[in-house]
Amino acid sequence: MSKRIEFVVGVFVLLGLLALAFLAMRAGNLSTFSMQPNYTVSAYFDNVGSLKKRSAVKSNGVVVGRVKGIAFDNQTYRAIVEFDIEEQYEFPTDTSASIKTQGLIGEQYLDLTPGADESVLENGSSIM
């Protein structure tokens, strides 16, 4: 009887640890582990607000990538947001990027609005 109780307690402890790990991933904005190959694009902004690394990159409400990093360009005095897009998503070179807020007081994310150009963004491309 005591081995059965130990087994049940072990299962509950394991489930509790899994639930805790899930919550930690959600809090850290790590809920999606994409194994898809990515390509990196950068965009320039006058103000990035509270956008941060690992913020979502969306297009029409669909998460298509994640913010890789945010830096300051000493020559143009603008913020550079570097982000990864999953390779399965292709965007025209005249795509525009804007920073939006999810909900009234939610997190900020990078929103991509596709243009109409025939050529597509490639690894290392920039959106002005």
Protein backbone atom coordinates (compact mmCIF):
# COMPACT_ATOMS: atom_id res chain seq x y z
CA MET A 1 0.00 0.00 0.00
CA SER A 2 2.79 2.47 0.79
CA LYS A 3 4.45 1.96 -2.63
CA ARG A 4 1.18 2.85 -4.32
CA ILE A 5 0.90 6.05 -2.27
CA GLU A 6 4.51 6.94 -3.13
CA PHE A 7 3.74 6.40 -6.81
CA VAL A 8 0.63 8.61 -6.69
CA VAL A 9 2.54 11.34 -4.82
CA GLY A 10 5.33 11.11 -7.41
CA VAL A 11 2.84 11.53 -10.26
CA PHE A 12 1.30 14.60 -8.60
CA VAL A 13 4.73 16.13 -7.98
CA LEU A 14 5.68 15.53 -11.63
CA LEU A 15 2.42 17.09 -12.85
CA GLY A 16 2.99 20.06 -10.55
CA LEU A 17 6.51 20.58 -11.92
CA LEU A 18 5.23 20.38 -15.50
CA ALA A 19 2.52 22.93 -14.73
CA LEU A 20 5.10 25.23 -13.12
CA ALA A 21 7.39 24.92 -16.16
CA PHE A 22 4.46 25.72 -18.47
CA LEU A 23 3.58 28.83 -16.46
CA ALA A 24 7.21 29.96 -16.42
CA MET A 25 7.39 29.60 -20.21
CA ARG A 26 4.18 31.60 -20.66
CA ALA A 27 5.41 34.34 -18.33
CA GLY A 28 8.74 34.50 -20.16
CA ASN A 29 7.04 34.69 -23.57
CA LEU A 30 8.62 31.39 -24.58
CA SER A 31 5.42 29.54 -25.38
CA THR A 32 6.42 28.75 -28.94
CA PHE A 33 9.53 26.77 -29.65
CA SER A 34 9.77 26.91 -33.40
CA MET A 35 12.01 24.39 -35.04
CA GLN A 36 11.44 26.09 -38.41
CA PRO A 37 14.41 27.72 -40.13
CA ASN A 38 14.33 31.52 -39.84
CA TYR A 39 15.63 34.51 -41.71
CA THR A 40 16.61 37.75 -39.98
CA VAL A 41 15.26 41.17 -40.95
CA SER A 42 15.79 44.54 -39.31
CA ALA A 43 13.55 47.60 -39.06
CA TYR A 44 14.26 51.16 -37.96
CA PHE A 45 12.05 53.07 -35.52
CA ASP A 46 12.10 56.46 -33.84
CA ASN A 47 10.64 54.95 -30.66
CA VAL A 48 10.27 51.27 -29.72
CA GLY A 49 8.29 51.92 -26.53
CA SER A 50 8.33 48.83 -24.34
CA LEU A 51 8.97 46.35 -27.14
CA LYS A 52 11.44 43.76 -25.93
CA LYS A 53 13.46 40.78 -27.02
CA ARG A 54 11.29 37.69 -27.74
CA SER A 55 8.21 39.85 -28.41
CA ALA A 56 5.94 38.43 -31.08
CA VAL A 57 6.19 39.44 -34.72
CA LYS A 58 2.72 39.22 -36.25
CA SER A 59 1.05 39.72 -39.58
CA ASN A 60 -2.75 39.88 -39.67
CA GLY A 61 -2.83 38.50 -36.12
CA VAL A 62 -0.69 35.42 -36.91
CA VAL A 63 2.64 35.02 -35.12
CA VAL A 64 5.25 34.73 -37.88
CA GLY A 65 8.40 35.29 -35.82
CA ARG A 66 10.05 36.80 -32.75
CA VAL A 67 12.10 39.90 -31.96
CA LYS A 68 15.75 38.91 -31.82
CA GLY A 69 17.24 42.11 -30.43
CA ILE A 70 16.94 45.87 -30.09
CA ALA A 71 19.88 48.25 -30.53
CA PHE A 72 20.59 51.95 -31.06
CA ASP A 73 22.16 53.20 -34.29
CA ASN A 74 24.70 55.93 -33.45
CA GLN A 75 24.69 57.25 -37.02
CA THR A 76 20.95 57.68 -37.59
CA TYR A 77 19.97 58.06 -33.91
CA ARG A 78 17.19 55.54 -34.39
CA ALA A 79 16.37 52.22 -32.79
CA ILE A 80 17.08 49.08 -34.81
CA VAL A 81 14.82 46.11 -34.16
CA GLU A 82 16.24 42.86 -35.44
CA PHE A 83 13.72 40.04 -35.76
CA ASP A 84 13.48 36.50 -37.07
CA ILE A 85 10.73 35.40 -39.44
CA GLU A 86 10.01 31.73 -40.04
CA GLU A 87 11.13 30.77 -43.55
CA GLN A 88 7.69 29.48 -44.48
CA TYR A 89 6.46 33.10 -44.47
CA GLU A 90 7.59 35.34 -47.33
CA PHE A 91 7.05 39.09 -47.23
CA PRO A 92 7.46 41.58 -50.10
CA THR A 93 10.37 44.01 -49.87
CA ASP A 94 7.97 46.94 -49.47
CA THR A 95 6.50 45.47 -46.29
CA SER A 96 6.00 48.02 -43.51
CA ALA A 97 6.58 47.40 -39.80
CA SER A 98 4.88 49.06 -36.86
CA ILE A 99 4.81 48.52 -33.12
CA LYS A 100 1.37 47.80 -31.72
CA THR A 101 -0.09 46.94 -28.34
CA GLN A 102 -2.15 43.84 -27.72
CA GLY A 103 -5.29 44.98 -25.91
CA LEU A 104 -5.52 48.10 -23.78
CA ILE A 105 -2.62 47.40 -21.42
CA GLY A 106 -1.12 44.34 -23.08
CA GLU A 107 2.31 43.57 -24.41
CA GLN A 108 3.70 45.29 -27.44
CA TYR A 109 4.44 43.35 -30.60
CA LEU A 110 5.88 44.04 -34.03
CA ASP A 111 3.22 44.10 -36.75
CA LEU A 112 4.13 43.50 -40.39
CA THR A 113 1.89 44.81 -43.17
CA PRO A 114 2.79 43.17 -46.49
CA GLY A 115 3.26 45.37 -49.53
CA ALA A 116 2.68 44.49 -53.18
CA ASP A 117 6.25 44.16 -54.47
CA GLU A 118 7.19 41.02 -56.41
CA SER A 119 10.56 40.54 -54.70
CA VAL A 120 10.64 39.20 -51.14
CA LEU A 121 12.64 39.99 -48.01
CA GLU A 122 15.74 37.87 -47.54
CA ASN A 123 18.11 37.20 -44.67
CA GLY A 124 19.78 40.49 -43.71
CA SER A 125 17.15 42.72 -45.36
CA SER A 126 16.04 45.99 -43.79
CA ILE A 127 12.65 47.65 -43.57
CA MET A 128 12.85 51.43 -43.49
